[in-house]
Full PDB file with SEQRES, HELIX, SHEET, SSBOND, CRYST1, ORIGX, SCALE, CONECT and MASTER records, all heavy atoms in Angstrom:
SEQRES   1 A   43  TRP SER SER ILE LEU GLN GLY VAL CYS ALA LEU ALA LEU          
SEQRES   2 A   43  LEU GLU ALA ASN LEU PRO LEU ILE TYR ILE TYR VAL LEU          
SEQRES   3 A   43  SER ALA CYS PHE GLY VAL PHE PHE GLU PHE ALA GLN ASN          
SEQRES   4 A   43  ALA LEU ASN ASN                                              
HELIX    1 AA1 SER A    2  GLU A   15  1                                  14    
HELIX    2 AA2 LEU A   20  ASN A   42  1                                  23    
CRYST1    1.000    1.000    1.000  90.00  90.00  90.00 P 1           1          
ORIGX1      1.000000  0.000000  0.000000        0.00000                         
ORIGX2      0.000000  1.000000  0.000000        0.00000                         
ORIGX3      0.000000  0.000000  1.000000        0.00000                         
SCALE1      1.000000  0.000000  0.000000        0.00000                         
SCALE2      0.000000  1.000000  0.000000        0.00000                         
SCALE3      0.000000  0.000000  1.000000        0.00000                         
ATOM      1  N   TRP A   1      99.608  83.473  91.330  1.00  0.00           N  
ATOM      2  CA  TRP A   1      98.454  82.585  91.428  1.00  0.00           C  
ATOM      3  C   TRP A   1      98.033  82.350  92.877  1.00  0.00           C  
ATOM      4  O   TRP A   1      96.830  82.285  93.182  1.00  0.00           O  
ATOM      5  CB  TRP A   1      98.734  81.255  90.725  1.00  0.00           C  
ATOM      6  CG  TRP A   1      98.626  81.364  89.234  1.00  0.00           C  
ATOM      7  CD1 TRP A   1      99.643  81.335  88.325  1.00  0.00           C  
ATOM      8  CD2 TRP A   1      97.423  81.547  88.481  1.00  0.00           C  
ATOM      9  NE1 TRP A   1      99.158  81.478  87.044  1.00  0.00           N  
ATOM     10  CE2 TRP A   1      97.791  81.611  87.114  1.00  0.00           C  
ATOM     11  CE3 TRP A   1      96.074  81.658  88.821  1.00  0.00           C  
ATOM     12  CZ2 TRP A   1      96.861  81.782  86.103  1.00  0.00           C  
ATOM     13  CZ3 TRP A   1      95.142  81.838  87.807  1.00  0.00           C  
ATOM     14  CH2 TRP A   1      95.533  81.897  86.465  1.00  0.00           C  
ATOM     15  N   SER A   2      99.003  82.234  93.775  1.00  0.00           N  
ATOM     16  CA  SER A   2      98.659  82.046  95.190  1.00  0.00           C  
ATOM     17  C   SER A   2      97.955  83.280  95.751  1.00  0.00           C  
ATOM     18  O   SER A   2      97.001  83.161  96.531  1.00  0.00           O  
ATOM     19  CB  SER A   2      99.916  81.744  96.003  1.00  0.00           C  
ATOM     20  OG  SER A   2     100.516  80.531  95.586  1.00  0.00           O  
ATOM     21  N   SER A   3      98.409  84.450  95.349  1.00  0.00           N  
ATOM     22  CA  SER A   3      97.771  85.688  95.815  1.00  0.00           C  
ATOM     23  C   SER A   3      96.346  85.800  95.281  1.00  0.00           C  
ATOM     24  O   SER A   3      95.426  86.213  96.002  1.00  0.00           O  
ATOM     25  CB  SER A   3      98.598  86.899  95.375  1.00  0.00           C  
ATOM     26  OG  SER A   3      99.869  86.889  95.982  1.00  0.00           O  
ATOM     27  N   ILE A   4      96.167  85.457  94.014  1.00  0.00           N  
ATOM     28  CA  ILE A   4      94.817  85.479  93.436  1.00  0.00           C  
ATOM     29  C   ILE A   4      93.901  84.511  94.172  1.00  0.00           C  
ATOM     30  O   ILE A   4      92.755  84.845  94.522  1.00  0.00           O  
ATOM     31  CB  ILE A   4      94.873  85.148  91.934  1.00  0.00           C  
ATOM     32  CG1 ILE A   4      95.554  86.292  91.162  1.00  0.00           C  
ATOM     33  CG2 ILE A   4      93.471  84.899  91.373  1.00  0.00           C  
ATOM     34  CD1 ILE A   4      95.872  85.956  89.724  1.00  0.00           C  
ATOM     35  N   LEU A   5      94.403  83.310  94.448  1.00  0.00           N  
ATOM     36  CA  LEU A   5      93.577  82.301  95.107  1.00  0.00           C  
ATOM     37  C   LEU A   5      93.264  82.674  96.556  1.00  0.00           C  
ATOM     38  O   LEU A   5      92.173  82.387  97.054  1.00  0.00           O  
ATOM     39  CB  LEU A   5      94.267  80.938  95.040  1.00  0.00           C  
ATOM     40  CG  LEU A   5      94.301  80.306  93.642  1.00  0.00           C  
ATOM     41  CD1 LEU A   5      95.183  79.064  93.633  1.00  0.00           C  
ATOM     42  CD2 LEU A   5      92.886  79.963  93.178  1.00  0.00           C  
ATOM     43  N   GLN A   6      94.209  83.337  97.241  1.00  0.00           N  
ATOM     44  CA  GLN A   6      93.881  83.770  98.595  1.00  0.00           C  
ATOM     45  C   GLN A   6      92.857  84.887  98.558  1.00  0.00           C  
ATOM     46  O   GLN A   6      91.993  84.994  99.447  1.00  0.00           O  
ATOM     47  CB  GLN A   6      95.134  84.192  99.361  1.00  0.00           C  
ATOM     48  CG  GLN A   6      95.741  85.507  98.953  1.00  0.00           C  
ATOM     49  CD  GLN A   6      96.791  85.985  99.940  1.00  0.00           C  
ATOM     50  OE1 GLN A   6      96.887  85.498 101.048  1.00  0.00           O  
ATOM     51  NE2 GLN A   6      97.580  86.954  99.526  1.00  0.00           N  
ATOM     52  N   GLY A   7      92.893  85.720  97.521  1.00  0.00           N  
ATOM     53  CA  GLY A   7      91.862  86.738  97.357  1.00  0.00           C  
ATOM     54  C   GLY A   7      90.492  86.120  97.122  1.00  0.00           C  
ATOM     55  O   GLY A   7      89.481  86.589  97.657  1.00  0.00           O  
ATOM     56  N   VAL A   8      90.453  85.038  96.324  1.00  0.00           N  
ATOM     57  CA  VAL A   8      89.193  84.319  96.092  1.00  0.00           C  
ATOM     58  C   VAL A   8      88.660  83.744  97.403  1.00  0.00           C  
ATOM     59  O   VAL A   8      87.458  83.822  97.698  1.00  0.00           O  
ATOM     60  CB  VAL A   8      89.394  83.210  95.045  1.00  0.00           C  
ATOM     61  CG1 VAL A   8      88.155  82.319  94.958  1.00  0.00           C  
ATOM     62  CG2 VAL A   8      89.717  83.814  93.683  1.00  0.00           C  
ATOM     63  N   CYS A   9      89.549  83.163  98.208  1.00  0.00           N  
ATOM     64  CA  CYS A   9      89.136  82.619  99.511  1.00  0.00           C  
ATOM     65  C   CYS A   9      88.576  83.724 100.406  1.00  0.00           C  
ATOM     66  O   CYS A   9      87.561  83.527 101.096  1.00  0.00           O  
ATOM     67  CB  CYS A   9      90.322  81.954 100.204  1.00  0.00           C  
ATOM     68  SG  CYS A   9      90.852  80.402  99.465  1.00  0.00           S  
ATOM     69  N   ALA A  10      89.230  84.878 100.401  1.00  0.00           N  
ATOM     70  CA  ALA A  10      88.753  85.988 101.227  1.00  0.00           C  
ATOM     71  C   ALA A  10      87.385  86.479 100.762  1.00  0.00           C  
ATOM     72  O   ALA A  10      86.500  86.764 101.578  1.00  0.00           O  
ATOM     73  CB  ALA A  10      89.765  87.128 101.205  1.00  0.00           C  
ATOM     74  N   LEU A  11      87.205  86.570  99.454  1.00  0.00           N  
ATOM     75  CA  LEU A  11      85.906  86.990  98.923  1.00  0.00           C  
ATOM     76  C   LEU A  11      84.805  86.016  99.330  1.00  0.00           C  
ATOM     77  O   LEU A  11      83.718  86.422  99.757  1.00  0.00           O  
ATOM     78  CB  LEU A  11      85.965  87.095  97.400  1.00  0.00           C  
ATOM     79  CG  LEU A  11      86.557  88.379  96.816  1.00  0.00           C  
ATOM     80  CD1 LEU A  11      86.722  88.244  95.311  1.00  0.00           C  
ATOM     81  CD2 LEU A  11      85.671  89.579  97.151  1.00  0.00           C  
ATOM     82  N   ALA A  12      85.086  84.734  99.191  1.00  0.00           N  
ATOM     83  CA  ALA A  12      84.098  83.722  99.579  1.00  0.00           C  
ATOM     84  C   ALA A  12      83.813  83.792 101.073  1.00  0.00           C  
ATOM     85  O   ALA A  12      82.667  83.636 101.517  1.00  0.00           O  
ATOM     86  CB  ALA A  12      84.599  82.335  99.200  1.00  0.00           C  
ATOM     87  N   LEU A  13      84.839  84.057 101.837  1.00  0.00           N  
ATOM     88  CA  LEU A  13      84.701  84.123 103.292  1.00  0.00           C  
ATOM     89  C   LEU A  13      83.817  85.294 103.717  1.00  0.00           C  
ATOM     90  O   LEU A  13      83.014  85.192 104.642  1.00  0.00           O  
ATOM     91  CB  LEU A  13      86.089  84.266 103.919  1.00  0.00           C  
ATOM     92  CG  LEU A  13      86.230  84.211 105.437  1.00  0.00           C  
ATOM     93  CD1 LEU A  13      85.846  82.839 105.954  1.00  0.00           C  
ATOM     94  CD2 LEU A  13      87.666  84.540 105.837  1.00  0.00           C  
ATOM     95  N   LEU A  14      83.943  86.403 103.002  1.00  0.00           N  
ATOM     96  CA  LEU A  14      83.265  87.626 103.415  1.00  0.00           C  
ATOM     97  C   LEU A  14      81.887  87.800 102.791  1.00  0.00           C  
ATOM     98  O   LEU A  14      81.016  88.440 103.364  1.00  0.00           O  
ATOM     99  CB  LEU A  14      84.138  88.842 103.057  1.00  0.00           C  
ATOM    100  CG  LEU A  14      85.524  88.883 103.703  1.00  0.00           C  
ATOM    101  CD1 LEU A  14      86.311  90.065 103.195  1.00  0.00           C  
ATOM    102  CD2 LEU A  14      85.409  88.923 105.214  1.00  0.00           C  
ATOM    103  N   GLU A  15      81.701  87.249 101.604  1.00  0.00           N  
ATOM    104  CA  GLU A  15      80.468  87.507 100.874  1.00  0.00           C  
ATOM    105  C   GLU A  15      79.427  86.407 101.031  1.00  0.00           C  
ATOM    106  O   GLU A  15      78.245  86.643 100.856  1.00  0.00           O  
ATOM    107  CB  GLU A  15      80.781  87.707  99.388  1.00  0.00           C  
ATOM    108  CG  GLU A  15      81.726  88.875  99.109  1.00  0.00           C  
ATOM    109  CD  GLU A  15      81.185  90.194  99.627  1.00  0.00           C  
ATOM    110  OE1 GLU A  15      79.952  90.364  99.661  1.00  0.00           O  
ATOM    111  OE2 GLU A  15      81.986  91.061 100.010  1.00  0.00           O  
ATOM    112  N   ALA A  16      79.848  85.201 101.316  1.00  0.00           N  
ATOM    113  CA  ALA A  16      78.898  84.087 101.391  1.00  0.00           C  
ATOM    114  C   ALA A  16      78.371  83.917 102.811  1.00  0.00           C  
ATOM    115  O   ALA A  16      79.086  84.147 103.788  1.00  0.00           O  
ATOM    116  CB  ALA A  16      79.573  82.795 100.920  1.00  0.00           C  
ATOM    117  N   ASN A  17      77.107  83.517 102.908  1.00  0.00           N  
ATOM    118  CA  ASN A  17      76.504  83.212 104.198  1.00  0.00           C  
ATOM    119  C   ASN A  17      76.720  81.724 104.465  1.00  0.00           C  
ATOM    120  O   ASN A  17      75.931  80.879 104.043  1.00  0.00           O  
ATOM    121  CB  ASN A  17      75.028  83.563 104.178  1.00  0.00           C  
ATOM    122  CG  ASN A  17      74.381  83.404 105.538  1.00  0.00           C  
ATOM    123  OD1 ASN A  17      75.077  83.288 106.554  1.00  0.00           O  
ATOM    124  ND2 ASN A  17      73.063  83.369 105.569  1.00  0.00           N  
ATOM    125  N   LEU A  18      77.814  81.400 105.160  1.00  0.00           N  
ATOM    126  CA  LEU A  18      78.255  80.011 105.270  1.00  0.00           C  
ATOM    127  C   LEU A  18      78.137  79.494 106.698  1.00  0.00           C  
ATOM    128  O   LEU A  18      78.219  80.269 107.658  1.00  0.00           O  
ATOM    129  CB  LEU A  18      79.715  79.900 104.827  1.00  0.00           C  
ATOM    130  CG  LEU A  18      80.039  80.270 103.381  1.00  0.00           C  
ATOM    131  CD1 LEU A  18      81.542  80.317 103.187  1.00  0.00           C  
ATOM    132  CD2 LEU A  18      79.409  79.263 102.427  1.00  0.00           C  
ATOM    133  N   PRO A  19      77.983  78.187 106.837  1.00  0.00           N  
ATOM    134  CA  PRO A  19      78.082  77.587 108.180  1.00  0.00           C  
ATOM    135  C   PRO A  19      79.482  77.811 108.756  1.00  0.00           C  
ATOM    136  O   PRO A  19      80.456  78.015 108.014  1.00  0.00           O  
ATOM    137  CB  PRO A  19      77.828  76.096 107.922  1.00  0.00           C  
ATOM    138  CG  PRO A  19      77.136  76.032 106.610  1.00  0.00           C  
ATOM    139  CD  PRO A  19      77.646  77.189 105.817  1.00  0.00           C  
ATOM    140  N   LEU A  20      79.582  77.743 110.067  1.00  0.00           N  
ATOM    141  CA  LEU A  20      80.829  78.071 110.746  1.00  0.00           C  
ATOM    142  C   LEU A  20      81.985  77.184 110.286  1.00  0.00           C  
ATOM    143  O   LEU A  20      83.111  77.674 110.104  1.00  0.00           O  
ATOM    144  CB  LEU A  20      80.630  77.932 112.254  1.00  0.00           C  
ATOM    145  CG  LEU A  20      81.644  78.643 113.159  1.00  0.00           C  
ATOM    146  CD1 LEU A  20      81.709  80.123 112.842  1.00  0.00           C  
ATOM    147  CD2 LEU A  20      81.281  78.413 114.623  1.00  0.00           C  
ATOM    148  N   ILE A  21      81.730  75.902 110.064  1.00  0.00           N  
ATOM    149  CA  ILE A  21      82.803  74.990 109.671  1.00  0.00           C  
ATOM    150  C   ILE A  21      83.395  75.394 108.334  1.00  0.00           C  
ATOM    151  O   ILE A  21      84.608  75.325 108.127  1.00  0.00           O  
ATOM    152  CB  ILE A  21      82.297  73.519 109.635  1.00  0.00           C  
ATOM    153  CG1 ILE A  21      83.443  72.578 109.340  1.00  0.00           C  
ATOM    154  CG2 ILE A  21      81.165  73.363 108.622  1.00  0.00           C  
ATOM    155  CD1 ILE A  21      84.524  72.551 110.368  1.00  0.00           C  
ATOM    156  N   TYR A  22      82.559  75.874 107.400  1.00  0.00           N  
ATOM    157  CA  TYR A  22      83.061  76.301 106.096  1.00  0.00           C  
ATOM    158  C   TYR A  22      83.864  77.597 106.203  1.00  0.00           C  
ATOM    159  O   TYR A  22      84.805  77.824 105.444  1.00  0.00           O  
ATOM    160  CB  TYR A  22      81.915  76.463 105.105  1.00  0.00           C  
ATOM    161  CG  TYR A  22      81.250  75.163 104.724  1.00  0.00           C  
ATOM    162  CD1 TYR A  22      79.870  75.023 104.773  1.00  0.00           C  
ATOM    163  CD2 TYR A  22      81.995  74.054 104.336  1.00  0.00           C  
ATOM    164  CE1 TYR A  22      79.245  73.829 104.435  1.00  0.00           C  
ATOM    165  CE2 TYR A  22      81.395  72.859 103.998  1.00  0.00           C  
ATOM    166  CZ  TYR A  22      80.021  72.753 104.049  1.00  0.00           C  
ATOM    167  OH  TYR A  22      79.423  71.564 103.711  1.00  0.00           O  
ATOM    168  N   ILE A  23      83.468  78.436 107.153  1.00  0.00           N  
ATOM    169  CA  ILE A  23      84.232  79.664 107.395  1.00  0.00           C  
ATOM    170  C   ILE A  23      85.653  79.326 107.830  1.00  0.00           C  
ATOM    171  O   ILE A  23      86.635  79.905 107.345  1.00  0.00           O  
ATOM    172  CB  ILE A  23      83.524  80.522 108.464  1.00  0.00           C  
ATOM    173  CG1 ILE A  23      82.229  81.110 107.892  1.00  0.00           C  
ATOM    174  CG2 ILE A  23      84.443  81.645 108.959  1.00  0.00           C  
ATOM    175  CD1 ILE A  23      81.382  81.820 108.926  1.00  0.00           C  
ATOM    176  N   TYR A  24      85.780  78.340 108.713  1.00  0.00           N  
ATOM    177  CA  TYR A  24      87.103  77.959 109.189  1.00  0.00           C  
ATOM    178  C   TYR A  24      87.898  77.231 108.101  1.00  0.00           C  
ATOM    179  O   TYR A  24      89.131  77.404 107.995  1.00  0.00           O  
ATOM    180  CB  TYR A  24      86.987  77.083 110.438  1.00  0.00           C  
ATOM    181  CG  TYR A  24      86.411  77.816 111.631  1.00  0.00           C  
ATOM    182  CD1 TYR A  24      85.677  77.146 112.606  1.00  0.00           C  
ATOM    183  CD2 TYR A  24      86.604  79.186 111.783  1.00  0.00           C  
ATOM    184  CE1 TYR A  24      85.149  77.824 113.703  1.00  0.00           C  
ATOM    185  CE2 TYR A  24      86.078  79.866 112.869  1.00  0.00           C  
ATOM    186  CZ  TYR A  24      85.349  79.187 113.828  1.00  0.00           C  
ATOM    187  OH  TYR A  24      84.838  79.865 114.902  1.00  0.00           O  
ATOM    188  N   VAL A  25      87.223  76.439 107.278  1.00  0.00           N  
ATOM    189  CA  VAL A  25      87.910  75.762 106.172  1.00  0.00           C  
ATOM    190  C   VAL A  25      88.449  76.794 105.185  1.00  0.00           C  
ATOM    191  O   VAL A  25      89.591  76.696 104.715  1.00  0.00           O  
ATOM    192  CB  VAL A  25      86.966  74.770 105.464  1.00  0.00           C  
ATOM    193  CG1 VAL A  25      87.589  74.276 104.157  1.00  0.00           C  
ATOM    194  CG2 VAL A  25      86.661  73.586 106.378  1.00  0.00           C  
ATOM    195  N   LEU A  26      87.640  77.798 104.857  1.00  0.00           N  
ATOM    196  CA  LEU A  26      88.101  78.858 103.958  1.00  0.00           C  
ATOM    197  C   LEU A  26      89.260  79.639 104.572  1.00  0.00           C  
ATOM    198  O   LEU A  26      90.197  80.027 103.875  1.00  0.00           O  
ATOM    199  CB  LEU A  26      86.950  79.810 103.622  1.00  0.00           C  
ATOM    200  CG  LEU A  26      85.992  79.360 102.526  1.00  0.00           C  
ATOM    201  CD1 LEU A  26      84.793  80.303 102.448  1.00  0.00           C  
ATOM    202  CD2 LEU A  26      86.705  79.305 101.175  1.00  0.00           C  
ATOM    203  N   SER A  27      89.207  79.861 105.876  1.00  0.00           N  
ATOM    204  CA  SER A  27      90.314  80.557 106.549  1.00  0.00           C  
ATOM    205  C   SER A  27      91.600  79.749 106.450  1.00  0.00           C  
ATOM    206  O   SER A  27      92.688  80.305 106.232  1.00  0.00           O  
ATOM    207  CB  SER A  27      89.963  80.807 108.020  1.00  0.00           C  
ATOM    208  OG  SER A  27      88.823  81.629 108.152  1.00  0.00           O  
ATOM    209  N   ALA A  28      91.483  78.423 106.607  1.00  0.00           N  
ATOM    210  CA  ALA A  28      92.661  77.560 106.478  1.00  0.00           C  
ATOM    211  C   ALA A  28      93.190  77.575 105.049  1.00  0.00           C  
ATOM    212  O   ALA A  28      94.411  77.630 104.828  1.00  0.00           O  
ATOM    213  CB  ALA A  28      92.319  76.138 106.901  1.00  0.00           C  
ATOM    214  N   CYS A  29      92.287  77.532 104.058  1.00  0.00           N  
ATOM    215  CA  CYS A  29      92.717  77.593 102.651  1.00  0.00           C  
ATOM    216  C   CYS A  29      93.402  78.922 102.364  1.00  0.00           C  
ATOM    217  O   CYS A  29      94.403  78.975 101.635  1.00  0.00           O  
ATOM    218  CB  CYS A  29      91.515  77.410 101.728  1.00  0.00           C  
ATOM    219  SG  CYS A  29      90.813  75.741 101.746  1.00  0.00           S  
ATOM    220  N   PHE A  30      92.874  79.997 102.939  1.00  0.00           N  
ATOM    221  CA  PHE A  30      93.523  81.302 102.809  1.00  0.00           C  
ATOM    222  C   PHE A  30      94.951  81.230 103.340  1.00  0.00           C  
ATOM    223  O   PHE A  30      95.893  81.747 102.725  1.00  0.00           O  
ATOM    224  CB  PHE A  30      92.717  82.358 103.571  1.00  0.00           C  
ATOM    225  CG  PHE A  30      93.300  83.737 103.515  1.00  0.00           C  
ATOM    226  CD1 PHE A  30      92.943  84.614 102.507  1.00  0.00           C  
ATOM    227  CD2 PHE A  30      94.215  84.157 104.467  1.00  0.00           C  
ATOM    228  CE1 PHE A  30      93.486  85.888 102.445  1.00  0.00           C  
ATOM    229  CE2 PHE A  30      94.767  85.422 104.421  1.00  0.00           C  
ATOM    230  CZ  PHE A  30      94.400  86.298 103.411  1.00  0.00           C  
ATOM    231  N   GLY A  31      95.133  80.572 104.490  1.00  0.00           N  
ATOM    232  CA  GLY A  31      96.468  80.422 105.062  1.00  0.00           C  
ATOM    233  C   GLY A  31      97.402  79.627 104.172  1.00  0.00           C  
ATOM    234  O   GLY A  31      98.588  79.951 104.052  1.00  0.00           O  
ATOM    235  N   VAL A  32      96.877  78.583 103.517  1.00  0.00           N  
ATOM    236  CA  VAL A  32      97.694  77.770 102.612  1.00  0.00           C  
ATOM    237  C   VAL A  32      98.237  78.620 101.473  1.00  0.00           C  
ATOM    238  O   VAL A  32      99.445  78.627 101.181  1.00  0.00           O  
ATOM    239  CB  VAL A  32      96.879  76.582 102.061  1.00  0.00           C  
ATOM    240  CG1 VAL A  32      97.633  75.907 100.910  1.00  0.00           C  
ATOM    241  CG2 VAL A  32      96.596  75.576 103.169  1.00  0.00           C  
ATOM    242  N   PHE A  33      97.351  79.358 100.806  1.00  0.00           N  
ATOM    243  CA  PHE A  33      97.782  80.166  99.663  1.00  0.00           C  
ATOM    244  C   PHE A  33      98.641  81.350 100.110  1.00  0.00           C  
ATOM    245  O   PHE A  33      99.561  81.763  99.397  1.00  0.00           O  
ATOM    246  CB  PHE A  33      96.564  80.649  98.873  1.00  0.00           C  
ATOM    247  CG  PHE A  33      95.812  79.531  98.204  1.00  0.00           C  
ATOM    248  CD1 PHE A  33      94.471  79.315  98.478  1.00  0.00           C  
ATOM    249  CD2 PHE A  33      96.456  78.678  97.320  1.00  0.00           C  
ATOM    250  CE1 PHE A  33      93.773  78.275  97.872  1.00  0.00           C  
ATOM    251  CE2 PHE A  33      95.773  77.627  96.712  1.00  0.00           C  
ATOM    252  CZ  PHE A  33      94.434  77.432  96.987  1.00  0.00           C  
ATOM    253  N   PHE A  34      98.346  81.868 101.302  1.00  0.00           N  
ATOM    254  CA  PHE A  34      99.176  82.935 101.851  1.00  0.00           C  
ATOM    255  C   PHE A  34     100.605  82.444 102.056  1.00  0.00           C  
ATOM    256  O   PHE A  34     101.563  83.149 101.729  1.00  0.00           O  
ATOM    257  CB  PHE A  34      98.588  83.422 103.176  1.00  0.00           C  
ATOM    258  CG  PHE A  34      99.396  84.508 103.838  1.00  0.00           C  
ATOM    259  CD1 PHE A  34      99.129  85.840 103.573  1.00  0.00           C  
ATOM    260  CD2 PHE A  34     100.423  84.199 104.720  1.00  0.00           C  
ATOM    261  CE1 PHE A  34      99.871  86.843 104.178  1.00  0.00           C  
ATOM    262  CE2 PHE A  34     101.168  85.192 105.321  1.00  0.00           C  
ATOM    263  CZ  PHE A  34     100.896  86.520 105.045  1.00  0.00           C  
ATOM    264  N   GLU A  35     100.759  81.241 102.589  1.00  0.00           N  
ATOM    265  CA  GLU A  35     102.096  80.685 102.824  1.00  0.00           C  
ATOM    266  C   GLU A  35     102.858  80.503 101.521  1.00  0.00           C  
ATOM    267  O   GLU A  35     104.043  80.848 101.422  1.00  0.00           O  
ATOM    268  CB  GLU A  35     101.978  79.358 103.574  1.00  0.00           C  
ATOM    269  CG  GLU A  35     103.246  78.512 103.601  1.00  0.00           C  
ATOM    270  CD  GLU A  35     104.402  79.158 104.342  1.00  0.00           C  
ATOM    271  OE1 GLU A  35     104.233  80.250 104.927  1.00  0.00           O  
ATOM    272  OE2 GLU A  35     105.501  78.573 104.337  1.00  0.00           O  
ATOM    273  N   PHE A  36     102.202  79.977 100.498  1.00  0.00           N  
ATOM    274  CA  PHE A  36     102.873  79.813  99.209  1.00  0.00           C  
ATOM    275  C   PHE A  36     103.305  81.174  98.650  1.00  0.00           C  
ATOM    276  O   PHE A  36     104.417  81.321  98.124  1.00  0.00           O  
ATOM    277  CB  PHE A  36     101.957  79.113  98.210  1.00  0.00           C  
ATOM    278  CG  PHE A  36     101.866  77.625  98.394  1.00  0.00           C  
ATOM    279  CD1 PHE A  36     100.656  76.968  98.240  1.00  0.00           C  
ATOM    280  CD2 PHE A  36     102.986  76.873  98.714  1.00  0.00           C  
ATOM    281  CE1 PHE A  36     100.565  75.579  98.409  1.00  0.00           C  
ATOM    282  CE2 PHE A  36     102.911  75.491  98.880  1.00  0.00           C  
ATOM    283  CZ  PHE A  36     101.695  74.847  98.728  1.00  0.00           C  
ATOM    284  N   ALA A  37     102.420  82.172  98.765  1.00  0.00           N  
ATOM    285  CA  ALA A  37     102.722  83.490  98.208  1.00  0.00           C  
ATOM    286  C   ALA A  37     103.846  84.182  98.966  1.00  0.00           C  
ATOM    287  O   ALA A  37     104.790  84.709  98.358  1.00  0.00           O  
ATOM    288  CB  ALA A  37     101.461  84.360  98.215  1.00  0.00           C  
ATOM    289  N   GLN A  38     103.764  84.186 100.299  1.00  0.00           N  
ATOM    290  CA  GLN A  38     104.797  84.890 101.061  1.00  0.00           C  
ATOM    291  C   GLN A  38     106.135  84.177 100.962  1.00  0.00           C  
ATOM    292  O   GLN A  38     107.185  84.815 100.980  1.00  0.00           O  
ATOM    293  CB  GLN A  38     104.361  85.083 102.519  1.00  0.00           C  
ATOM    294  CG  GLN A  38     104.482  83.898 103.436  1.00  0.00           C  
ATOM    295  CD  GLN A  38     105.892  83.678 103.963  1.00  0.00           C  
ATOM    296  OE1 GLN A  38     106.658  84.636 104.102  1.00  0.00           O  
ATOM    297  NE2 GLN A  38     106.242  82.428 104.248  1.00  0.00           N  
ATOM    298  N   ASN A  39     106.121  82.841 100.864  1.00  0.00           N  
ATOM    299  CA  ASN A  39     107.372  82.106 100.703  1.00  0.00           C  
ATOM    300  C   ASN A  39     108.035  82.458  99.374  1.00  0.00           C  
ATOM    301  O   ASN A  39     109.254  82.637  99.304  1.00  0.00           O  
ATOM    302  CB  ASN A  39     107.114  80.603 100.776  1.00  0.00           C  
ATOM    303  CG  ASN A  39     108.375  79.784 100.565  1.00  0.00           C  
ATOM    304  OD1 ASN A  39     109.341  79.903 101.303  1.00  0.00           O  
ATOM    305  ND2 ASN A  39     108.372  78.958  99.531  1.00  0.00           N  
ATOM    306  N   ALA A  40     107.231  82.579  98.333  1.00  0.00           N  
ATOM    307  CA  ALA A  40     107.787  82.947  97.030  1.00  0.00           C  
ATOM    308  C   ALA A  40     108.357  84.362  97.056  1.00  0.00           C  
ATOM    309  O   ALA A  40     109.462  84.615  96.558  1.00  0.00           O  
ATOM    310  CB  ALA A  40     106.713  82.828  95.951  1.00  0.00           C  
ATOM    311  N   LEU A  41     107.632  85.295  97.663  1.00  0.00           N  
ATOM    312  CA  LEU A  41     108.057  86.698  97.649  1.00  0.00           C  
ATOM    313  C   LEU A  41     109.174  86.975  98.646  1.00  0.00           C  
ATOM    314  O   LEU A  41     110.239  87.493  98.280  1.00  0.00           O  
ATOM    315  CB  LEU A  41     106.852  87.593  97.950  1.00  0.00           C  
ATOM    316  CG  LEU A  41     107.130  89.103  98.031  1.00  0.00           C  
ATOM    317  CD1 LEU A  41     107.685  89.616  96.705  1.00  0.00           C  
ATOM    318  CD2 LEU A  41     105.862  89.858  98.405  1.00  0.00           C  
ATOM    319  N   ASN A  42     108.952  86.640  99.920  1.00  0.00           N  
ATOM    320  CA  ASN A  42     109.879  87.038 100.979  1.00  0.00           C  
ATOM    321  C   ASN A  42     111.106  86.150 101.092  1.00  0.00           C  
ATOM    322  O   ASN A  42     112.169  86.616 101.518  1.00  0.00           O  
ATOM    323  CB  ASN A  42     109.149  87.042 102.325  1.00  0.00           C  
ATOM    324  CG  ASN A  42     108.158  88.164 102.452  1.00  0.00           C  
ATOM    325  OD1 ASN A  42     108.495  89.262 102.888  1.00  0.00           O  
ATOM    326  ND2 ASN A  42     106.916  87.917 102.074  1.00  0.00           N  
ATOM    327  N   ASN A  43     110.983  84.885 100.739  1.00  0.00           N  
ATOM    328  CA  ASN A  43     112.076  83.944 100.962  1.00  0.00           C  
ATOM    329  C   ASN A  43     112.822  83.550  99.697  1.00  0.00           C  
ATOM    330  O   ASN A  43     113.878  82.928  99.788  1.00  0.00           O  
ATOM    331  CB  ASN A  43     111.543  82.662 101.625  1.00  0.00           C  
ATOM    332  CG  ASN A  43     110.772  82.930 102.892  1.00  0.00           C  
ATOM    333  OD1 ASN A  43     110.925  83.984 103.511  1.00  0.00           O  
ATOM    334  ND2 ASN A  43     109.917  82.006 103.282  1.00  0.00           N  
TER     335      ASN A  43                                                      
MASTER        0    0    0    2    0    0    0    6  334    1    0    4          
END                                                                             
């Protein structure tokens, strides 16, 4: 689920024409889901 959600964040980041603040918020959300996913897999 974390991997799917980080993929959704990446899609929104790349496909939407967003203000800069939303781009950074999506990048942070991507980092959140990335951390959950990598912690589950690698650790």
